[in-house]
Amino acid sequence: MVLRFLLYGLLFYFAYKLIFDFLIPVFIAARKIRKGFREMHGRMEEQMNQQQQQQSAPQTSSPPPKASSNDYIDFEEVK
């Protein structure tokens, strides 16, 4: 009778330690990692959307000005 009580007590103790020292911390860590991956994935999608918008937006910048004959600078070759 005492031996059976002792075995049940040890079984309960090991089950308690397994649940509270291993399973719950693993569950919490897995949830944090999943949350971090979701946030990182969201940021990556946001950056991709911004890049696509920048590439697809029409470029309204003016073409570079043409060089006139007054802009030409003569140079001499140095030997």
Protein backbone atom coordinates (compact mmCIF):
# COMPACT_ATOMS: atom_id res chain seq x y z
CA MET A 1 0.00 0.00 0.00
CA VAL A 2 2.74 2.47 0.94
CA LEU A 3 4.77 1.40 -2.10
CA ARG A 4 1.81 2.04 -4.41
CA PHE A 5 1.29 5.50 -2.84
CA LEU A 6 5.00 6.25 -3.29
CA LEU A 7 4.94 5.18 -6.95
CA TYR A 8 1.85 7.31 -7.65
CA GLY A 9 3.54 10.23 -5.92
CA LEU A 10 6.68 9.82 -8.06
CA LEU A 11 4.58 9.46 -11.19
CA PHE A 12 2.66 12.63 -10.34
CA TYR A 13 5.93 14.48 -9.60
CA PHE A 14 7.54 13.46 -12.93
CA ALA A 15 4.37 14.34 -14.84
CA TYR A 16 4.29 17.73 -13.12
CA LYS A 17 7.97 18.37 -13.93
CA LEU A 18 7.48 17.27 -17.54
CA ILE A 19 4.51 19.55 -18.05
CA PHE A 20 5.74 22.67 -16.26
CA ASP A 21 9.49 22.45 -16.92
CA PHE A 22 9.44 21.17 -20.51
CA LEU A 23 6.13 21.25 -22.38
CA ILE A 24 4.90 24.70 -21.37
CA PRO A 25 8.26 26.47 -22.06
CA VAL A 26 8.53 24.70 -25.44
CA PHE A 27 4.98 25.79 -26.28
CA ILE A 28 5.70 29.40 -25.30
CA ALA A 29 8.97 29.48 -27.27
CA ALA A 30 7.29 28.01 -30.36
CA ARG A 31 4.55 30.64 -30.17
CA LYS A 32 7.13 33.46 -29.93
CA ILE A 33 9.08 32.08 -32.88
CA ARG A 34 5.93 31.77 -35.00
CA LYS A 35 4.99 35.36 -34.11
CA GLY A 36 8.47 36.56 -35.06
CA PHE A 37 8.29 34.76 -38.41
CA ARG A 38 4.88 36.25 -39.13
CA GLU A 39 6.16 39.77 -38.38
CA MET A 40 9.25 39.23 -40.52
CA HIS A 41 7.13 37.86 -43.37
CA GLY A 42 4.82 40.87 -43.14
CA ARG A 43 7.75 43.29 -43.26
CA MET A 44 9.21 41.48 -46.27
CA GLU A 45 5.88 41.66 -48.12
CA GLU A 46 5.62 45.36 -47.30
CA GLN A 47 9.10 46.00 -48.67
CA MET A 48 8.33 44.00 -51.81
CA ASN A 49 5.14 46.03 -52.36
CA GLN A 50 7.07 49.28 -51.93
CA GLN A 51 9.72 48.16 -54.42
CA GLN A 52 7.07 47.13 -56.95
CA GLN A 53 5.29 50.47 -56.56
CA GLN A 54 8.54 52.36 -57.08
CA GLN A 55 9.40 50.33 -60.17
CA SER A 56 5.93 50.54 -61.70
CA ALA A 57 5.50 54.27 -61.02
CA PRO A 58 6.14 56.32 -64.16
CA GLN A 59 9.35 58.25 -63.93
CA THR A 60 8.54 61.92 -64.46
CA SER A 61 12.09 63.17 -64.14
CA SER A 62 13.24 65.33 -67.00
CA PRO A 63 15.88 63.98 -69.36
CA PRO A 64 19.41 65.25 -68.81
CA PRO A 65 20.05 68.59 -70.50
CA LYS A 66 21.87 68.42 -73.82
CA ALA A 67 25.37 69.79 -73.84
CA SER A 68 25.70 72.99 -75.81
CA SER A 69 28.84 74.09 -77.58
CA ASN A 70 29.57 76.53 -74.73
CA ASP A 71 29.82 73.68 -72.23
CA TYR A 72 32.73 72.02 -74.01
CA ILE A 73 36.10 72.42 -72.29
CA ASP A 74 39.25 72.01 -74.32
CA PHE A 75 42.04 70.05 -72.76
CA GLU A 76 45.63 69.39 -73.67
CA GLU A 77 47.37 66.09 -73.34
CA VAL A 78 50.13 66.09 -70.76
CA LYS A 79 53.31 64.18 -71.66
